[in-house]
């Protein structure tokens, strides 16, 4: 959950971002905390920036003048980077919002995160992956403005795979998985993950759209479980023996067998059969011998 007391420095590359996004940028930041610094960088002597005047006044944004020393080169990069480091060393903020589609801010975002800062990146769909990945979270400006909600660069299948791995890892440690935990961990693994990219306003609704997941209210939390595979243990046993018969030695490493089962049965989980360990699951099957991380078909 966002801490509304967190302090953010919002630094906007006005030469690289349309002023039509400013309202949506500040609205989005308000969901994370308080914007204690609000600065927009550009060459304000350039007629192209004329319309920014009303926007910066209306939103109490400090315009920072940066002359264009080289034609065709974005002049704001160095000024934003220097200011960001100065603000970092004051110790007065908990995070930064870097607004630009320019890849030149990739190293800045990484450096700020090394210093323990939360870094929210914002830019258009054209933003390179390196900058998106260097941020704690990345938001698409087109999506924030709701002009054209496009599909995320991360597929639903990739997100589902991440979710199931988190749930399985927790189950292996006898832990439940909550909606809030999933939101945090998915965001850590996919910086540009946002349920709005998929047409949902709430994470819980997004999770409910997966047939492989089941949501169960529990007190103030919502627990998320993987739906049972629905495949009988006997059928899995037949598959395991079929896999082992496919090799001349009728012997295979446990991880390889498990991988082949999951390829045929993507929702396979030994916990559906009241087991916590895959080795024990196979050991209880007739005709199989499990030893040294190997399994052999005896008959």
Protein backbone atom coordinates (compact mmCIF):
# COMPACT_ATOMS: atom_id res chain seq x y z
CA UNK A 1 0.00 0.00 0.00
CA UNK A 2 1.20 3.54 -0.74
CA UNK A 3 2.26 5.67 2.23
CA UNK A 4 0.60 9.07 1.76
CA UNK A 5 3.28 10.64 4.00
CA UNK A 6 6.14 9.81 1.63
CA UNK A 7 7.81 12.85 0.12
CA UNK A 8 8.52 12.92 -3.61
CA UNK A 9 10.52 15.15 -5.90
CA UNK A 10 8.74 15.45 -9.26
CA UNK A 11 11.14 16.38 -12.05
CA UNK A 12 9.60 16.90 -15.50
CA UNK A 13 11.52 17.04 -18.77
CA UNK A 14 9.35 19.71 -20.44
CA UNK A 15 11.24 19.35 -23.70
CA UNK A 16 10.33 15.68 -23.89
CA UNK A 17 6.84 15.60 -22.35
CA UNK A 18 3.59 17.20 -23.52
CA UNK A 19 2.04 19.69 -21.10
CA UNK A 20 -1.32 17.91 -21.54
CA UNK A 21 -0.03 15.19 -19.20
CA UNK A 22 0.86 17.44 -16.25
CA UNK A 23 -2.47 17.10 -14.41
CA UNK A 24 -2.38 13.31 -14.72
CA UNK A 25 1.24 13.16 -13.58
CA UNK A 26 0.53 15.07 -10.37
CA UNK A 27 -2.68 13.12 -9.73
CA UNK A 28 -0.75 9.86 -10.02
CA UNK A 29 2.01 11.02 -7.67
CA UNK A 30 -0.59 12.05 -5.08
CA UNK A 31 -1.53 8.39 -4.79
CA UNK A 32 1.98 7.63 -3.53
CA UNK A 33 2.65 10.60 -1.29
CA UNK A 34 3.30 14.34 -1.24
CA UNK A 35 5.09 16.18 -4.04
CA UNK A 36 7.42 18.40 -2.02
CA UNK A 37 9.48 19.39 -5.08
CA UNK A 38 7.79 20.11 -8.40
CA UNK A 39 10.12 21.28 -11.15
CA UNK A 40 9.83 21.46 -14.94
CA UNK A 41 13.00 21.83 -17.03
CA UNK A 42 13.29 23.48 -20.42
CA UNK A 43 14.48 26.40 -22.45
CA UNK A 44 11.67 28.83 -21.64
CA UNK A 45 13.00 31.31 -24.20
CA UNK A 46 11.94 28.85 -26.89
CA UNK A 47 8.49 29.78 -28.33
CA UNK A 48 7.58 26.07 -28.24
CA UNK A 49 7.36 26.25 -24.43
CA UNK A 50 5.10 29.32 -24.33
CA UNK A 51 1.97 27.40 -23.33
CA UNK A 52 3.70 25.93 -20.27
CA UNK A 53 3.44 29.24 -18.41
CA UNK A 54 -0.17 28.82 -17.29
CA UNK A 55 0.38 25.15 -16.43
CA UNK A 56 3.34 25.74 -14.12
CA UNK A 57 1.58 28.63 -12.36
CA UNK A 58 -1.66 26.71 -11.90
CA UNK A 59 0.10 23.65 -10.46
CA UNK A 60 2.76 25.49 -8.42
CA UNK A 61 5.57 23.97 -10.48
CA UNK A 62 8.95 25.71 -10.46
CA UNK A 63 10.20 26.30 -14.01
CA UNK A 64 13.94 25.73 -14.32
CA UNK A 65 15.61 27.56 -17.19
CA UNK A 66 18.13 25.59 -19.22
CA UNK A 67 19.44 27.14 -22.40
CA UNK A 68 19.93 24.95 -25.47
CA UNK A 69 23.66 25.05 -26.08
CA UNK A 70 23.56 22.59 -28.97
CA UNK A 71 20.89 22.55 -31.62
CA UNK A 72 18.85 19.37 -31.71
CA UNK A 73 20.08 18.19 -28.29
CA UNK A 74 17.78 18.02 -25.26
CA UNK A 75 19.28 20.59 -22.89
CA UNK A 76 17.38 19.54 -19.77
CA UNK A 77 19.14 16.23 -19.09
CA UNK A 78 22.17 17.52 -17.20
CA UNK A 79 20.15 20.09 -15.22
CA UNK A 80 17.65 17.45 -14.07
CA UNK A 81 20.39 14.99 -13.14
CA UNK A 82 22.35 17.59 -11.12
CA UNK A 83 19.19 18.76 -9.32
CA UNK A 84 18.15 15.19 -8.58
CA UNK A 85 21.48 14.45 -6.90
CA UNK A 86 21.37 17.73 -4.96
CA UNK A 87 17.87 16.88 -3.70
CA UNK A 88 18.98 13.34 -2.83
CA UNK A 89 21.77 14.63 -0.61
CA UNK A 90 19.41 16.95 1.31
CA UNK A 91 17.75 13.83 2.76
CA UNK A 92 14.37 15.55 2.52
CA UNK A 93 12.63 13.15 0.14
CA UNK A 94 11.72 9.46 0.11
CA UNK A 95 11.43 9.12 -3.64
CA UNK A 96 11.58 10.67 -7.08
CA UNK A 97 9.22 10.89 -10.02
CA UNK A 98 11.26 11.25 -13.21
CA UNK A 99 9.04 12.25 -16.13
CA UNK A 100 10.64 11.76 -19.53
CA UNK A 101 10.72 9.33 -22.43
CA UNK A 102 14.47 9.90 -22.77
CA UNK A 103 16.78 6.96 -22.14
CA UNK A 104 19.46 9.35 -20.77
CA UNK A 105 17.83 9.12 -17.33
CA UNK A 106 18.40 5.36 -17.02
CA UNK A 107 21.58 5.67 -14.96
CA UNK A 108 20.05 8.40 -12.79
CA UNK A 109 17.10 6.16 -11.89
CA UNK A 110 19.44 3.29 -11.06
CA UNK A 111 21.64 5.54 -8.90
CA UNK A 112 18.67 6.89 -6.96
CA UNK A 113 17.43 3.36 -6.28
CA UNK A 114 20.91 2.39 -5.04
CA UNK A 115 20.48 5.21 -2.51
CA UNK A 116 17.26 3.59 -1.26
CA UNK A 117 14.89 5.90 -3.12
CA UNK A 118 11.57 4.85 -4.63
CA UNK A 119 11.72 5.89 -8.28
CA UNK A 120 8.52 6.27 -10.27
CA UNK A 121 9.25 6.74 -13.94
CA UNK A 122 6.70 8.21 -16.33
CA UNK A 123 6.93 8.43 -20.09
CA UNK A 124 5.23 7.57 -23.33
CA UNK A 125 5.04 4.12 -24.89
CA UNK A 126 8.17 4.88 -26.91
CA UNK A 127 10.30 4.90 -23.72
CA UNK A 128 13.12 2.38 -23.99
CA UNK A 129 13.03 -0.73 -21.82
CA UNK A 130 16.30 0.15 -20.06
CA UNK A 131 14.81 3.27 -18.46
CA UNK A 132 11.54 1.51 -17.59
CA UNK A 133 13.39 -1.37 -15.92
CA UNK A 134 15.65 0.96 -13.91
CA UNK A 135 12.64 2.48 -12.12
CA UNK A 136 10.84 0.99 -9.14
CA UNK A 137 7.63 1.45 -11.11
CA UNK A 138 6.97 2.89 -14.53
CA UNK A 139 3.73 4.53 -15.72
CA UNK A 140 2.72 5.16 -19.30
CA UNK A 141 1.50 8.73 -19.82
CA UNK A 142 -0.98 7.70 -22.52
CA UNK A 143 -2.58 5.32 -20.07
CA UNK A 144 -2.68 7.86 -17.23
CA UNK A 145 -4.44 10.30 -19.52
CA UNK A 146 -6.84 7.54 -20.57
CA UNK A 147 -6.54 8.64 -24.18
CA UNK A 148 -5.75 5.21 -25.51
CA UNK A 149 -5.37 2.34 -23.08
CA UNK A 150 -2.95 0.00 -24.79
CA UNK A 151 -1.74 -3.46 -23.92
CA UNK A 152 1.24 -3.69 -21.60
CA UNK A 153 4.64 -4.79 -22.87
CA UNK A 154 4.33 -7.60 -20.33
CA UNK A 155 1.89 -10.28 -21.49
CA UNK A 156 -0.85 -11.69 -19.29
CA UNK A 157 0.82 -15.10 -19.55
CA UNK A 158 4.07 -13.69 -18.15
CA UNK A 159 2.19 -12.10 -15.26
CA UNK A 160 0.33 -15.35 -14.56
CA UNK A 161 3.61 -17.26 -14.51
CA UNK A 162 5.02 -14.76 -12.00
CA UNK A 163 1.90 -14.98 -9.81
CA UNK A 164 1.91 -18.78 -9.70
CA UNK A 165 5.60 -18.84 -8.83
CA UNK A 166 5.03 -16.44 -5.92
CA UNK A 167 2.12 -18.56 -4.65
CA UNK A 168 4.08 -21.80 -4.98
CA UNK A 169 7.12 -20.33 -3.21
CA UNK A 170 4.90 -19.20 -0.33
CA UNK A 171 3.17 -22.57 -0.13
CA UNK A 172 6.54 -24.30 0.08
CA UNK A 173 7.16 -22.19 3.22
CA UNK A 174 3.63 -22.76 4.57
CA UNK A 175 2.67 -19.12 3.94
CA UNK A 176 -0.52 -17.67 2.52
CA UNK A 177 -0.41 -15.18 -0.35
CA UNK A 178 -2.35 -11.92 -0.13
CA UNK A 179 -3.47 -9.60 -2.91
CA UNK A 180 -1.27 -6.83 -1.47
CA UNK A 181 1.82 -9.03 -1.46
CA UNK A 182 1.20 -10.04 -5.07
CA UNK A 183 0.88 -6.41 -6.12
CA UNK A 184 4.23 -5.55 -4.52
CA UNK A 185 6.12 -8.57 -5.82
CA UNK A 186 4.74 -8.36 -9.36
CA UNK A 187 5.75 -4.68 -9.41
CA UNK A 188 9.26 -5.61 -8.24
CA UNK A 189 9.66 -8.10 -11.10
CA UNK A 190 7.89 -6.10 -13.81
CA UNK A 191 8.49 -2.36 -13.30
CA UNK A 192 5.84 -1.26 -15.81
CA UNK A 193 3.10 -3.53 -14.40
CA UNK A 194 -0.16 -1.67 -13.86
CA UNK A 195 -3.59 -3.32 -13.89
CA UNK A 196 -4.94 -0.34 -15.83
CA UNK A 197 -2.81 -1.46 -18.76
CA UNK A 198 -5.07 -4.51 -18.94
CA UNK A 199 -8.34 -2.63 -18.55
CA UNK A 200 -8.86 -3.08 -14.78
CA UNK A 201 -9.11 -0.49 -12.02
CA UNK A 202 -8.34 -2.88 -9.14
CA UNK A 203 -5.72 -5.58 -8.71
CA UNK A 204 -8.27 -7.96 -7.16
CA UNK A 205 -10.49 -7.75 -10.25
CA UNK A 206 -7.48 -8.37 -12.47
CA UNK A 207 -6.54 -11.47 -10.46
CA UNK A 208 -10.11 -12.77 -10.60
CA UNK A 209 -9.87 -12.75 -14.40
CA UNK A 210 -7.42 -15.69 -14.24
CA UNK A 211 -9.07 -19.11 -14.19
CA UNK A 212 -5.99 -20.48 -12.46
CA UNK A 213 -6.58 -18.31 -9.36
CA UNK A 214 -9.12 -18.29 -6.54
CA UNK A 215 -9.58 -15.29 -4.19
CA UNK A 216 -10.82 -15.83 -0.63
CA UNK A 217 -11.61 -12.96 1.80
CA UNK A 218 -9.89 -13.40 5.17
CA UNK A 219 -10.35 -10.66 7.75
CA UNK A 220 -8.90 -7.46 6.32
CA UNK A 221 -6.98 -9.36 3.64
CA UNK A 222 -7.84 -11.25 0.49
CA UNK A 223 -5.95 -14.51 0.09
CA UNK A 224 -5.04 -15.84 -3.35
CA UNK A 225 -4.80 -19.55 -4.11
CA UNK A 226 -3.96 -21.52 -7.20
CA UNK A 227 -6.94 -23.45 -8.51
CA UNK A 228 -6.44 -27.20 -8.21
CA UNK A 229 -5.41 -28.88 -11.43
CA UNK A 230 -8.41 -31.22 -11.42
CA UNK A 231 -6.21 -34.08 -12.69
CA UNK A 232 -6.41 -37.34 -10.72
CA UNK A 233 -3.24 -38.65 -9.12
CA UNK A 234 -3.64 -41.88 -11.09
CA UNK A 235 -3.52 -39.92 -14.34
CA UNK A 236 -0.38 -38.11 -13.22
CA UNK A 237 1.20 -41.46 -12.34
CA UNK A 238 0.47 -42.76 -15.84
CA UNK A 239 2.07 -39.63 -17.31
CA UNK A 240 5.19 -40.02 -15.14
CA UNK A 241 5.66 -43.63 -16.24
CA UNK A 242 5.11 -42.64 -19.85
CA UNK A 243 7.82 -39.98 -19.48
CA UNK A 244 10.28 -42.49 -17.98
CA UNK A 245 9.56 -45.10 -20.66
CA UNK A 246 10.52 -42.52 -23.29
CA UNK A 247 14.21 -42.83 -22.28
CA UNK A 248 16.21 -46.02 -22.67
CA UNK A 249 17.53 -46.01 -19.10
CA UNK A 250 14.04 -45.41 -17.69
CA UNK A 251 15.80 -43.03 -15.30
CA UNK A 252 15.59 -39.26 -15.11
CA UNK A 253 16.44 -36.33 -12.84
CA UNK A 254 13.55 -35.20 -10.61
CA UNK A 255 13.56 -31.57 -11.88
CA UNK A 256 13.42 -32.82 -15.47
CA UNK A 257 10.43 -35.07 -14.73
CA UNK A 258 8.66 -32.23 -12.96
CA UNK A 259 9.34 -29.90 -15.88
CA UNK A 260 7.87 -32.39 -18.34
CA UNK A 261 4.77 -32.86 -16.18
CA UNK A 262 4.23 -29.11 -15.96
CA UNK A 263 4.59 -28.82 -19.72
CA UNK A 264 1.68 -31.24 -20.14
CA UNK A 265 -0.21 -30.02 -17.06
CA UNK A 266 0.58 -26.28 -16.56
CA UNK A 267 -1.39 -26.12 -13.28
CA UNK A 268 0.24 -29.19 -11.73
CA UNK A 269 1.02 -28.72 -8.05
CA UNK A 270 1.85 -31.53 -5.62
CA UNK A 271 -0.04 -29.68 -2.90
CA UNK A 272 -3.25 -30.49 -4.76
CA UNK A 273 -2.57 -34.11 -3.74
CA UNK A 274 -1.69 -33.29 -0.10
CA UNK A 275 2.09 -33.41 -0.62
CA UNK A 276 4.72 -30.77 0.09
CA UNK A 277 7.62 -32.44 -1.73
CA UNK A 278 7.71 -33.69 -5.32
CA UNK A 279 10.13 -36.50 -4.40
CA UNK A 280 7.72 -37.96 -1.85
CA UNK A 281 4.87 -37.63 -4.35
CA UNK A 282 6.78 -39.91 -6.75
CA UNK A 283 8.10 -42.19 -4.01
CA UNK A 284 4.54 -43.21 -3.13
CA UNK A 285 3.82 -44.35 -6.69
CA UNK A 286 4.01 -48.09 -7.41
CA UNK A 287 6.94 -49.17 -9.54
CA UNK A 288 9.09 -46.08 -9.00
CA UNK A 289 12.32 -45.73 -7.05
CA UNK A 290 13.56 -42.30 -5.98
CA UNK A 291 17.23 -41.81 -5.03
CA UNK A 292 19.87 -39.03 -5.20
CA UNK A 293 17.51 -36.59 -6.92
CA UNK A 294 16.75 -39.26 -9.54
CA UNK A 295 13.69 -41.40 -10.27
CA UNK A 296 13.70 -44.78 -12.00
CA UNK A 297 10.88 -46.88 -13.42
CA UNK A 298 11.26 -50.42 -12.09
CA UNK A 299 8.42 -52.08 -13.97
